[in-house]
Amino acid sequence: MSQTSDDPNQRPPVIGEAEEAGVGPRRRDFLNIAAVSFAGVGAVAVVYPLINQMNPSADVLALAAIEIDISSIATGQAIKTMWRKQPVFIRNLTPKEIQEADAVPVASLRDPATLAERTKEGHKNWLITLGVCTHLGCVPLGAGEGETRGEYGGYFCPCHGSVYDTAARIRKGPAPLNLQVPEYSFKSDTVVQIG
């Protein structure tokens, strides 16, 4: 018995017959679409928190850049401040310290760098570094009043004995690299922005 759509006497197919004949959506198609949609929503619900937790926290974003007034730092003095939960040393080098740093043969250094490469042009007396030893992350001494600066007059790490010179370059001890110079810029002669 063949069914044609031209026959005016033809009765509409019953729901079960339509599925068997392949006319219209089948229950199996609906279940497949629903299952795939549910799995997709579940995957997004699981993956989003995992990816979102890799974003920086609000307190880190708030400290993405800080401005520091350096007008009160006298020549030969240094201060410690915090940026992104890490100590930062800001030192106003004396002419003698600049001369000593420039006199060191760069080829003799473990991590070769000149003072000019570690400071900004026109502000060679301002040395800004992270206050984190590159050996195991201790905070070196030398930025505070009366702290030990080591035999090269820069910084001394009390944890394992790393010694840095006045340009914060590693000179002795287990640290493999110089103290890191963060990204910074001078907003004026008395204000520096770190970050």
N, C-alpha and C. Protein backbone atom coordinates (compact mmCIF):
# COMPACT_ATOMS: atom_id res chain seq x y z
N MET A 1 0.84 -1.16 0.00
CA MET A 1 0.00 0.00 0.00
C MET A 1 0.89 1.23 0.00
N SER A 2 0.83 2.03 -1.01
CA SER A 2 1.68 3.21 -1.10
C SER A 2 0.89 4.43 -0.70
N GLN A 3 1.59 5.33 -0.05
CA GLN A 3 0.94 6.56 0.40
C GLN A 3 1.48 7.71 -0.42
N THR A 4 0.57 8.48 -0.98
CA THR A 4 0.98 9.66 -1.74
C THR A 4 0.32 10.87 -1.14
N SER A 5 0.99 12.00 -1.26
CA SER A 5 0.44 13.22 -0.70
C SER A 5 -0.64 13.83 -1.59
N ASP A 6 -0.82 13.29 -2.84
CA ASP A 6 -1.82 13.82 -3.75
C ASP A 6 -3.21 13.26 -3.46
N ASP A 7 -3.28 12.20 -2.70
CA ASP A 7 -4.55 11.53 -2.45
C ASP A 7 -5.35 12.32 -1.42
N PRO A 8 -6.52 12.89 -1.80
CA PRO A 8 -7.32 13.67 -0.85
C PRO A 8 -7.95 12.81 0.23
N ASN A 9 -8.07 11.52 0.00
CA ASN A 9 -8.69 10.64 0.98
C ASN A 9 -7.69 10.06 1.97
N GLN A 10 -6.47 10.45 1.84
CA GLN A 10 -5.41 9.88 2.69
C GLN A 10 -5.54 10.41 4.11
N ARG A 11 -5.41 9.55 5.05
CA ARG A 11 -5.49 9.96 6.45
C ARG A 11 -4.08 10.34 6.92
N PRO A 12 -3.96 11.26 7.88
CA PRO A 12 -2.64 11.62 8.40
C PRO A 12 -2.04 10.44 9.15
N PRO A 13 -0.76 10.28 9.07
CA PRO A 13 -0.14 9.15 9.74
C PRO A 13 -0.23 9.28 11.26
N VAL A 14 -0.33 8.18 11.91
CA VAL A 14 -0.34 8.13 13.36
C VAL A 14 1.10 8.34 13.83
N ILE A 15 1.30 8.84 15.04
CA ILE A 15 2.63 9.21 15.51
C ILE A 15 3.61 8.06 15.38
N GLY A 16 3.27 6.90 15.76
CA GLY A 16 4.15 5.74 15.65
C GLY A 16 4.49 5.41 14.22
N GLU A 17 3.50 5.56 13.32
CA GLU A 17 3.73 5.26 11.91
C GLU A 17 4.68 6.28 11.29
N ALA A 18 4.57 7.56 11.70
CA ALA A 18 5.43 8.60 11.13
C ALA A 18 6.89 8.33 11.48
N GLU A 19 7.16 7.89 12.72
CA GLU A 19 8.54 7.59 13.11
C GLU A 19 9.08 6.42 12.32
N GLU A 20 8.23 5.40 12.13
CA GLU A 20 8.67 4.22 11.39
C GLU A 20 8.91 4.57 9.93
N ALA A 21 8.12 5.47 9.39
CA ALA A 21 8.25 5.84 7.98
C ALA A 21 9.39 6.82 7.76
N GLY A 22 10.00 7.37 8.84
CA GLY A 22 11.11 8.31 8.70
C GLY A 22 10.66 9.73 8.41
N VAL A 23 9.39 10.03 8.65
CA VAL A 23 8.86 11.38 8.42
C VAL A 23 8.95 12.14 9.74
N GLY A 24 9.56 13.37 9.75
CA GLY A 24 9.62 14.20 10.94
C GLY A 24 10.72 13.75 11.90
N PRO A 25 10.89 14.51 12.97
CA PRO A 25 11.94 14.17 13.94
C PRO A 25 11.58 12.92 14.72
N ARG A 26 12.61 12.17 15.01
CA ARG A 26 12.41 10.95 15.78
C ARG A 26 12.79 11.20 17.22
N ARG A 27 12.28 10.41 18.10
CA ARG A 27 12.58 10.54 19.51
C ARG A 27 14.08 10.36 19.76
N ARG A 28 14.72 9.47 19.04
CA ARG A 28 16.15 9.22 19.19
C ARG A 28 16.96 10.48 18.84
N ASP A 29 16.55 11.23 17.79
CA ASP A 29 17.25 12.47 17.43
C ASP A 29 17.17 13.49 18.56
N PHE A 30 15.99 13.63 19.14
CA PHE A 30 15.81 14.57 20.24
C PHE A 30 16.70 14.18 21.42
N LEU A 31 16.74 12.92 21.76
CA LEU A 31 17.57 12.48 22.88
C LEU A 31 19.06 12.71 22.61
N ASN A 32 19.49 12.47 21.38
CA ASN A 32 20.90 12.72 21.03
C ASN A 32 21.24 14.20 21.15
N ILE A 33 20.38 15.07 20.62
CA ILE A 33 20.62 16.52 20.70
C ILE A 33 20.63 16.98 22.15
N ALA A 34 19.69 16.49 22.94
CA ALA A 34 19.63 16.87 24.36
C ALA A 34 20.87 16.40 25.11
N ALA A 35 21.33 15.19 24.85
CA ALA A 35 22.50 14.67 25.55
C ALA A 35 23.76 15.45 25.19
N VAL A 36 23.95 15.76 23.91
CA VAL A 36 25.13 16.52 23.49
C VAL A 36 25.08 17.93 24.07
N SER A 37 23.91 18.56 24.08
CA SER A 37 23.78 19.90 24.65
C SER A 37 24.08 19.89 26.14
N PHE A 38 23.57 18.91 26.84
CA PHE A 38 23.80 18.80 28.27
C PHE A 38 25.29 18.58 28.55
N ALA A 39 25.95 17.74 27.76
CA ALA A 39 27.39 17.50 27.94
C ALA A 39 28.19 18.77 27.66
N GLY A 40 27.79 19.54 26.65
CA GLY A 40 28.50 20.78 26.34
C GLY A 40 28.39 21.79 27.47
N VAL A 41 27.18 21.95 28.02
CA VAL A 41 26.99 22.87 29.14
C VAL A 41 27.79 22.38 30.35
N GLY A 42 27.82 21.09 30.58
CA GLY A 42 28.59 20.53 31.70
C GLY A 42 30.08 20.76 31.53
N ALA A 43 30.58 20.61 30.30
CA ALA A 43 32.01 20.83 30.04
C ALA A 43 32.38 22.28 30.30
N VAL A 44 31.55 23.22 29.85
CA VAL A 44 31.82 24.65 30.09
C VAL A 44 31.80 24.93 31.58
N ALA A 45 30.84 24.35 32.29
CA ALA A 45 30.74 24.57 33.74
C ALA A 45 31.96 24.05 34.48
N VAL A 46 32.60 23.01 33.98
CA VAL A 46 33.78 22.45 34.63
C VAL A 46 35.04 23.20 34.21
N VAL A 47 35.18 23.53 32.94
CA VAL A 47 36.41 24.13 32.43
C VAL A 47 36.54 25.61 32.80
N TYR A 48 35.46 26.35 32.83
CA TYR A 48 35.54 27.80 33.11
C TYR A 48 36.24 28.12 34.43
N PRO A 49 35.85 27.49 35.55
CA PRO A 49 36.57 27.80 36.79
C PRO A 49 38.05 27.46 36.74
N LEU A 50 38.41 26.41 36.03
CA LEU A 50 39.82 26.03 35.92
C LEU A 50 40.61 27.09 35.17
N ILE A 51 40.04 27.62 34.11
CA ILE A 51 40.73 28.66 33.35
C ILE A 51 40.69 29.99 34.09
N ASN A 52 39.57 30.31 34.71
CA ASN A 52 39.42 31.59 35.41
C ASN A 52 40.38 31.70 36.59
N GLN A 53 40.71 30.61 37.25
CA GLN A 53 41.61 30.67 38.40
C GLN A 53 43.04 31.03 38.00
N MET A 54 43.36 30.98 36.70
CA MET A 54 44.70 31.37 36.23
C MET A 54 44.83 32.88 36.07
N ASN A 55 43.73 33.62 36.10
CA ASN A 55 43.79 35.08 35.99
C ASN A 55 44.40 35.66 37.26
N PRO A 56 45.08 36.79 37.16
CA PRO A 56 45.65 37.39 38.36
C PRO A 56 44.55 37.85 39.32
N SER A 57 44.83 37.77 40.61
CA SER A 57 43.84 38.17 41.60
C SER A 57 43.68 39.69 41.61
N ALA A 58 42.63 40.16 42.25
CA ALA A 58 42.31 41.59 42.26
C ALA A 58 43.42 42.40 42.92
N ASP A 59 44.03 41.86 43.99
CA ASP A 59 45.08 42.63 44.66
C ASP A 59 46.33 42.76 43.79
N VAL A 60 46.60 41.75 42.98
CA VAL A 60 47.75 41.83 42.06
C VAL A 60 47.47 42.85 40.96
N LEU A 61 46.26 42.83 40.42
CA LEU A 61 45.90 43.80 39.39
C LEU A 61 45.95 45.22 39.93
N ALA A 62 45.56 45.39 41.20
CA ALA A 62 45.58 46.72 41.80
C ALA A 62 47.01 47.23 41.93
N LEU A 63 47.97 46.34 42.08
CA LEU A 63 49.37 46.73 42.23
C LEU A 63 50.15 46.52 40.94
N ALA A 64 49.46 46.49 39.81
CA ALA A 64 50.14 46.26 38.53
C ALA A 64 51.18 47.33 38.28
N ALA A 65 50.91 48.55 38.71
CA ALA A 65 51.87 49.65 38.58
C ALA A 65 51.75 50.53 39.82
N ILE A 66 52.89 50.93 40.35
CA ILE A 66 52.89 51.84 41.49
C ILE A 66 53.79 53.02 41.18
N GLU A 67 53.48 54.16 41.77
CA GLU A 67 54.31 55.36 41.63
C GLU A 67 54.95 55.64 42.98
N ILE A 68 56.24 55.96 42.95
CA ILE A 68 56.99 56.21 44.18
C ILE A 68 57.69 57.55 44.08
N ASP A 69 57.54 58.35 45.13
CA ASP A 69 58.23 59.62 45.21
C ASP A 69 59.64 59.35 45.73
N ILE A 70 60.65 59.65 44.91
CA ILE A 70 62.04 59.36 45.29
C ILE A 70 62.80 60.60 45.75
N SER A 71 62.09 61.71 45.91
CA SER A 71 62.75 62.96 46.26
C SER A 71 63.41 62.93 47.64
N SER A 72 62.92 62.09 48.55
CA SER A 72 63.48 62.06 49.90
C SER A 72 64.64 61.08 50.07
N ILE A 73 65.01 60.37 48.99
CA ILE A 73 66.12 59.41 49.08
C ILE A 73 67.43 60.15 48.81
N ALA A 74 68.24 60.27 49.83
CA ALA A 74 69.49 61.00 49.71
C ALA A 74 70.51 60.18 48.93
N THR A 75 71.52 60.86 48.39
CA THR A 75 72.59 60.17 47.67
C THR A 75 73.27 59.18 48.60
N GLY A 76 73.41 57.95 48.14
CA GLY A 76 74.02 56.90 48.94
C GLY A 76 73.02 56.08 49.74
N GLN A 77 71.76 56.50 49.75
CA GLN A 77 70.73 55.77 50.49
C GLN A 77 69.91 54.87 49.58
N ALA A 78 69.22 53.92 50.19
CA ALA A 78 68.32 53.03 49.47
C ALA A 78 67.07 52.83 50.30
N ILE A 79 65.98 52.51 49.64
CA ILE A 79 64.74 52.19 50.35
C ILE A 79 64.22 50.85 49.83
N LYS A 80 63.37 50.23 50.64
CA LYS A 80 62.65 49.03 50.23
C LYS A 80 61.19 49.41 50.09
N THR A 81 60.55 48.91 49.06
CA THR A 81 59.12 49.07 48.90
C THR A 81 58.56 47.75 48.39
N MET A 82 57.27 47.64 48.28
CA MET A 82 56.65 46.40 47.80
C MET A 82 55.92 46.66 46.49
N TRP A 83 56.05 45.72 45.58
CA TRP A 83 55.36 45.76 44.29
C TRP A 83 55.03 44.33 43.90
N ARG A 84 53.76 44.05 43.66
CA ARG A 84 53.29 42.69 43.33
C ARG A 84 53.76 41.67 44.36
N LYS A 85 53.67 42.06 45.61
CA LYS A 85 54.02 41.21 46.75
C LYS A 85 55.50 40.83 46.79
N GLN A 86 56.35 41.61 46.13
CA GLN A 86 57.78 41.36 46.15
C GLN A 86 58.50 42.64 46.57
N PRO A 87 59.60 42.49 47.32
CA PRO A 87 60.35 43.68 47.70
C PRO A 87 61.09 44.28 46.51
N VAL A 88 61.17 45.60 46.50
CA VAL A 88 61.90 46.33 45.46
C VAL A 88 62.88 47.26 46.16
N PHE A 89 64.13 47.27 45.68
CA PHE A 89 65.15 48.16 46.21
C PHE A 89 65.31 49.34 45.26
N ILE A 90 65.28 50.55 45.81
CA ILE A 90 65.54 51.76 45.02
C ILE A 90 66.73 52.44 45.68
N ARG A 91 67.83 52.54 44.93
CA ARG A 91 69.07 53.09 45.47
C ARG A 91 69.52 54.29 44.68
N ASN A 92 69.89 55.35 45.41
CA ASN A 92 70.45 56.56 44.82
C ASN A 92 71.97 56.44 44.93
N LEU A 93 72.61 56.02 43.86
CA LEU A 93 74.05 55.75 43.88
C LEU A 93 74.88 57.03 44.01
N THR A 94 75.98 56.91 44.73
CA THR A 94 76.92 58.02 44.84
C THR A 94 77.81 58.04 43.59
N PRO A 95 78.45 59.16 43.29
CA PRO A 95 79.39 59.17 42.16
C PRO A 95 80.49 58.12 42.30
N LYS A 96 80.94 57.87 43.54
CA LYS A 96 81.98 56.85 43.76
C LYS A 96 81.44 55.46 43.42
N GLU A 97 80.20 55.15 43.82
CA GLU A 97 79.60 53.85 43.52
C GLU A 97 79.41 53.66 42.00
N ILE A 98 79.03 54.72 41.33
CA ILE A 98 78.89 54.66 39.86
C ILE A 98 80.25 54.39 39.22
N GLN A 99 81.28 55.08 39.71
CA GLN A 99 82.62 54.91 39.17
C GLN A 99 83.13 53.49 39.42
N GLU A 100 82.88 52.94 40.62
CA GLU A 100 83.30 51.57 40.92
C GLU A 100 82.57 50.56 40.03
N ALA A 101 81.28 50.78 39.81
CA ALA A 101 80.50 49.86 38.96
C ALA A 101 80.99 49.91 37.52
N ASP A 102 81.31 51.11 37.03
CA ASP A 102 81.79 51.26 35.65
C ASP A 102 83.19 50.70 35.46
N ALA A 103 83.99 50.65 36.55
CA ALA A 103 85.37 50.18 36.45
C ALA A 103 85.49 48.65 36.37
N VAL A 104 84.42 47.93 36.69
CA VAL A 104 84.47 46.47 36.69
C VAL A 104 84.45 45.97 35.24
N PRO A 105 85.42 45.11 34.85
CA PRO A 105 85.38 44.54 33.49
C PRO A 105 84.15 43.63 33.35
N VAL A 106 83.28 43.98 32.43
CA VAL A 106 82.01 43.26 32.26
C VAL A 106 82.25 41.79 31.94
N ALA A 107 83.31 41.47 31.20
CA ALA A 107 83.59 40.08 30.82
C ALA A 107 83.92 39.22 32.04
N SER A 108 84.33 39.83 33.15
CA SER A 108 84.67 39.07 34.34
C SER A 108 83.44 38.71 35.18
N LEU A 109 82.28 39.21 34.83
CA LEU A 109 81.07 38.97 35.61
C LEU A 109 80.38 37.68 35.21
N ARG A 110 79.77 37.04 36.18
CA ARG A 110 79.01 35.81 35.93
C ARG A 110 77.80 36.08 35.03
N ASP A 111 77.12 37.19 35.28
CA ASP A 111 75.97 37.61 34.47
C ASP A 111 76.32 39.00 33.94
N PRO A 112 77.01 39.07 32.78
CA PRO A 112 77.55 40.34 32.29
C PRO A 112 76.48 41.39 32.00
N ALA A 113 76.67 42.57 32.61
CA ALA A 113 75.79 43.71 32.38
C ALA A 113 76.47 44.96 32.90
N THR A 114 76.36 46.02 32.16
CA THR A 114 76.93 47.30 32.61
C THR A 114 75.91 48.02 33.47
N LEU A 115 76.36 49.00 34.21
CA LEU A 115 75.45 49.82 35.02
C LEU A 115 74.49 50.56 34.10
N ALA A 116 74.98 51.04 32.96
CA ALA A 116 74.13 51.76 32.01
C ALA A 116 72.99 50.87 31.49
N GLU A 117 73.23 49.58 31.35
CA GLU A 117 72.18 48.66 30.90
C GLU A 117 71.14 48.39 31.99
N ARG A 118 71.51 48.65 33.23
CA ARG A 118 70.62 48.36 34.36
C ARG A 118 69.91 49.61 34.88
N THR A 119 70.21 50.76 34.31
CA THR A 119 69.57 52.02 34.71
C THR A 119 69.01 52.72 33.47
N LYS A 120 68.26 53.78 33.69
CA LYS A 120 67.69 54.55 32.57
C LYS A 120 68.63 55.69 32.20
N GLU A 121 68.64 56.01 30.91
CA GLU A 121 69.49 57.10 30.41
C GLU A 121 69.09 58.41 31.09
N GLY A 122 70.09 59.14 31.55
CA GLY A 122 69.85 60.39 32.25
C GLY A 122 69.57 60.21 33.73
N HIS A 123 69.42 58.97 34.17
CA HIS A 123 69.15 58.67 35.58
C HIS A 123 70.07 57.54 36.05
N LYS A 124 71.34 57.65 35.70
CA LYS A 124 72.30 56.58 35.99
C LYS A 124 72.50 56.36 37.49
N ASN A 125 72.18 57.37 38.28
CA ASN A 125 72.36 57.24 39.73
C ASN A 125 71.21 56.48 40.40
N TRP A 126 70.13 56.23 39.68
CA TRP A 126 68.99 55.52 40.26
C TRP A 126 68.99 54.06 39.81
N LEU A 127 69.25 53.16 40.77
CA LEU A 127 69.24 51.73 40.48
C LEU A 127 68.01 51.13 41.15
N ILE A 128 67.14 50.53 40.34
CA ILE A 128 65.90 49.93 40.84
C ILE A 128 65.92 48.44 40.49
N THR A 129 65.85 47.60 41.52
CA THR A 129 65.89 46.14 41.32
C THR A 129 64.88 45.46 42.22
N LEU A 130 64.50 44.25 41.84
CA LEU A 130 63.70 43.43 42.75
C LEU A 130 64.61 42.98 43.88
N GLY A 131 64.11 42.98 45.07
CA GLY A 131 64.90 42.58 46.24
C GLY A 131 64.77 41.10 46.52
N VAL A 132 64.98 40.28 45.49
CA VAL A 132 64.85 38.83 45.61
C VAL A 132 66.12 38.19 45.08
N CYS A 133 66.84 37.47 45.93
CA CYS A 133 68.06 36.79 45.51
C CYS A 133 67.73 35.77 44.43
N THR A 134 68.54 35.72 43.40
CA THR A 134 68.28 34.83 42.27
C THR A 134 68.71 33.38 42.55
N HIS A 135 69.18 33.12 43.75
CA HIS A 135 69.54 31.74 44.11
C HIS A 135 68.30 30.98 44.55
N LEU A 136 67.76 31.33 45.72
CA LEU A 136 66.57 30.64 46.22
C LEU A 136 65.48 31.59 46.69
N GLY A 137 65.58 32.87 46.34
CA GLY A 137 64.48 33.79 46.61
C GLY A 137 64.50 34.49 47.96
N CYS A 138 65.60 34.47 48.68
CA CYS A 138 65.68 35.21 49.94
C CYS A 138 65.77 36.70 49.63
N VAL A 139 65.54 37.53 50.65
CA VAL A 139 65.66 38.98 50.50
C VAL A 139 67.04 39.40 50.98
N PRO A 140 67.89 39.93 50.08
CA PRO A 140 69.22 40.36 50.49
C PRO A 140 69.20 41.57 51.42
N LEU A 141 70.26 41.74 52.16
CA LEU A 141 70.46 42.91 53.02
C LEU A 141 71.21 43.97 52.23
N GLY A 142 71.13 45.20 52.69
CA GLY A 142 71.90 46.28 52.08
C GLY A 142 71.07 47.50 51.72
N ALA A 143 69.76 47.37 51.72
CA ALA A 143 68.91 48.52 51.39
C ALA A 143 68.57 49.32 52.64
N GLY A 144 68.53 48.66 53.80
CA GLY A 144 68.18 49.34 55.03
C GLY A 144 69.39 49.99 55.70
N GLU A 145 69.11 50.95 56.54
CA GLU A 145 70.15 51.67 57.28
C GLU A 145 70.91 50.71 58.18
N GLY A 146 72.24 50.64 58.03
CA GLY A 146 73.08 49.80 58.88
C GLY A 146 73.13 48.33 58.50
N GLU A 147 72.47 47.93 57.44
CA GLU A 147 72.51 46.52 57.03
C GLU A 147 73.82 46.19 56.33
N THR A 148 74.23 44.94 56.44
CA THR A 148 75.45 44.46 55.79
C THR A 148 75.28 44.53 54.28
N ARG A 149 76.28 45.12 53.61
CA ARG A 149 76.22 45.24 52.16
C ARG A 149 77.18 44.29 51.46
N GLY A 150 77.97 43.58 52.19
CA GLY A 150 78.92 42.67 51.57
C GLY A 150 80.18 43.38 51.13
N GLU A 151 81.14 42.60 50.67
CA GLU A 151 82.46 43.15 50.34
C GLU A 151 82.48 44.03 49.10
N TYR A 152 81.42 43.99 48.27
CA TYR A 152 81.40 44.82 47.06
C TYR A 152 80.50 46.04 47.22
N GLY A 153 79.97 46.26 48.43
CA GLY A 153 79.22 47.48 48.73
C GLY A 153 77.80 47.52 48.19
N GLY A 154 77.28 46.40 47.71
CA GLY A 154 75.93 46.39 47.16
C GLY A 154 74.94 45.74 48.10
N TYR A 155 74.71 44.45 47.87
CA TYR A 155 73.76 43.70 48.68
C TYR A 155 74.38 42.37 49.09
N PHE A 156 73.94 41.85 50.24
CA PHE A 156 74.44 40.57 50.75
C PHE A 156 73.24 39.71 51.11
N CYS A 157 73.19 38.49 50.58
CA CYS A 157 72.10 37.57 50.91
C CYS A 157 72.52 36.70 52.09
N PRO A 158 71.85 36.83 53.22
CA PRO A 158 72.25 36.07 54.41
C PRO A 158 71.92 34.59 54.34
N CYS A 159 71.08 34.18 53.43
CA CYS A 159 70.67 32.76 53.37
C CYS A 159 71.83 31.86 52.95
N HIS A 160 72.50 32.20 51.83
CA HIS A 160 73.58 31.34 51.32
C HIS A 160 74.83 32.11 50.92
N GLY A 161 74.90 33.39 51.28
CA GLY A 161 76.14 34.14 51.10
C GLY A 161 76.37 34.76 49.73
N SER A 162 75.34 34.95 48.92
CA SER A 162 75.53 35.63 47.64
C SER A 162 75.84 37.10 47.89
N VAL A 163 76.82 37.62 47.13
CA VAL A 163 77.24 39.02 47.29
C VAL A 163 77.06 39.74 45.96
N TYR A 164 76.39 40.90 46.01
CA TYR A 164 76.13 41.72 44.83
C TYR A 164 76.89 43.03 44.96
N ASP A 165 77.30 43.61 43.82
CA ASP A 165 78.02 44.87 43.87
C ASP A 165 77.04 46.05 43.86
N THR A 166 77.58 47.28 43.71
CA THR A 166 76.74 48.48 43.78
C THR A 166 75.76 48.57 42.62
N ALA A 167 75.97 47.81 41.56
CA ALA A 167 75.03 47.78 40.44
C ALA A 167 74.10 46.56 40.55
N ALA A 168 74.09 45.90 41.72
CA ALA A 168 73.27 44.73 42.01
C ALA A 168 73.59 43.56 41.07
N ARG A 169 74.86 43.46 40.70
CA ARG A 169 75.33 42.34 39.86
C ARG A 169 75.96 41.30 40.77
N ILE A 170 75.72 40.03 40.48
CA ILE A 170 76.27 38.96 41.31
C ILE A 170 77.78 38.91 41.15
N ARG A 171 78.47 38.88 42.28
CA ARG A 171 79.94 38.86 42.26
C ARG A 171 80.50 37.64 42.96
N LYS A 172 79.74 37.07 43.90
CA LYS A 172 80.27 35.96 44.69
C LYS A 172 79.10 35.19 45.29
N GLY A 173 79.25 33.88 45.43
CA GLY A 173 78.20 33.08 46.04
C GLY A 173 77.43 32.27 45.01
N PRO A 174 76.40 31.55 45.44
CA PRO A 174 75.70 30.61 44.56
C PRO A 174 74.68 31.23 43.61
N ALA A 175 74.30 32.48 43.78
CA ALA A 175 73.28 33.06 42.89
C ALA A 175 73.77 33.09 41.45
N PRO A 176 72.97 32.62 40.50
CA PRO A 176 73.41 32.55 39.11
C PRO A 176 73.27 33.85 38.33
N LEU A 177 72.35 34.73 38.77
CA LEU A 177 72.05 35.93 37.99
C LEU A 177 72.08 37.18 38.87
N ASN A 178 72.15 38.33 38.21
CA ASN A 178 72.05 39.62 38.89
C ASN A 178 70.65 39.79 39.45
N LEU A 179 70.50 40.73 40.41
CA LEU A 179 69.16 41.07 40.87
C LEU A 179 68.39 41.61 39.67
N GLN A 180 67.16 41.18 39.52
CA GLN A 180 66.35 41.53 38.34
C GLN A 180 65.92 42.99 38.39
N VAL A 181 65.98 43.66 37.24
CA VAL A 181 65.51 45.03 37.10
C VAL A 181 64.08 44.97 36.57
N PRO A 182 63.10 45.47 37.33
CA PRO A 182 61.72 45.44 36.84
C PRO A 182 61.50 46.51 35.77
N GLU A 183 60.38 46.42 35.10
CA GLU A 183 60.02 47.46 34.13
C GLU A 183 59.64 48.72 34.92
N TYR A 184 60.27 49.83 34.59
CA TYR A 184 59.95 51.08 35.28
C TYR A 184 60.22 52.26 34.36
N SER A 185 59.66 53.41 34.73
CA SER A 185 59.88 54.64 33.96
C SER A 185 59.80 55.83 34.91
N PHE A 186 60.48 56.90 34.53
CA PHE A 186 60.45 58.12 35.32
C PHE A 186 59.31 59.00 34.81
N LYS A 187 58.37 59.34 35.70
CA LYS A 187 57.27 60.23 35.35
C LYS A 187 57.71 61.69 35.48
N SER A 188 58.67 61.92 36.36
CA SER A 188 59.29 63.23 36.53
C SER A 188 60.65 62.97 37.19
N ASP A 189 61.36 64.02 37.54
CA ASP A 189 62.65 63.84 38.20
C ASP A 189 62.51 63.25 39.60
N THR A 190 61.31 63.34 40.18
CA THR A 190 61.13 62.87 41.56
C THR A 190 60.12 61.73 41.69
N VAL A 191 59.52 61.29 40.58
CA VAL A 191 58.53 60.22 40.65
C VAL A 191 58.87 59.14 39.64
N VAL A 192 58.92 57.91 40.15
CA VAL A 192 59.19 56.76 39.28
C VAL A 192 57.99 55.82 39.33
N GLN A 193 57.63 55.28 38.17
CA GLN A 193 56.53 54.30 38.10
C GLN A 193 57.12 52.93 37.84
N ILE A 194 56.80 51.99 38.69
CA ILE A 194 57.25 50.61 38.53
C ILE A 194 56.07 49.79 38.02
N GLY A 195 56.29 49.07 36.95
CA GLY A 195 55.23 48.25 36.37
C GLY A 195 54.64 48.85 35.12
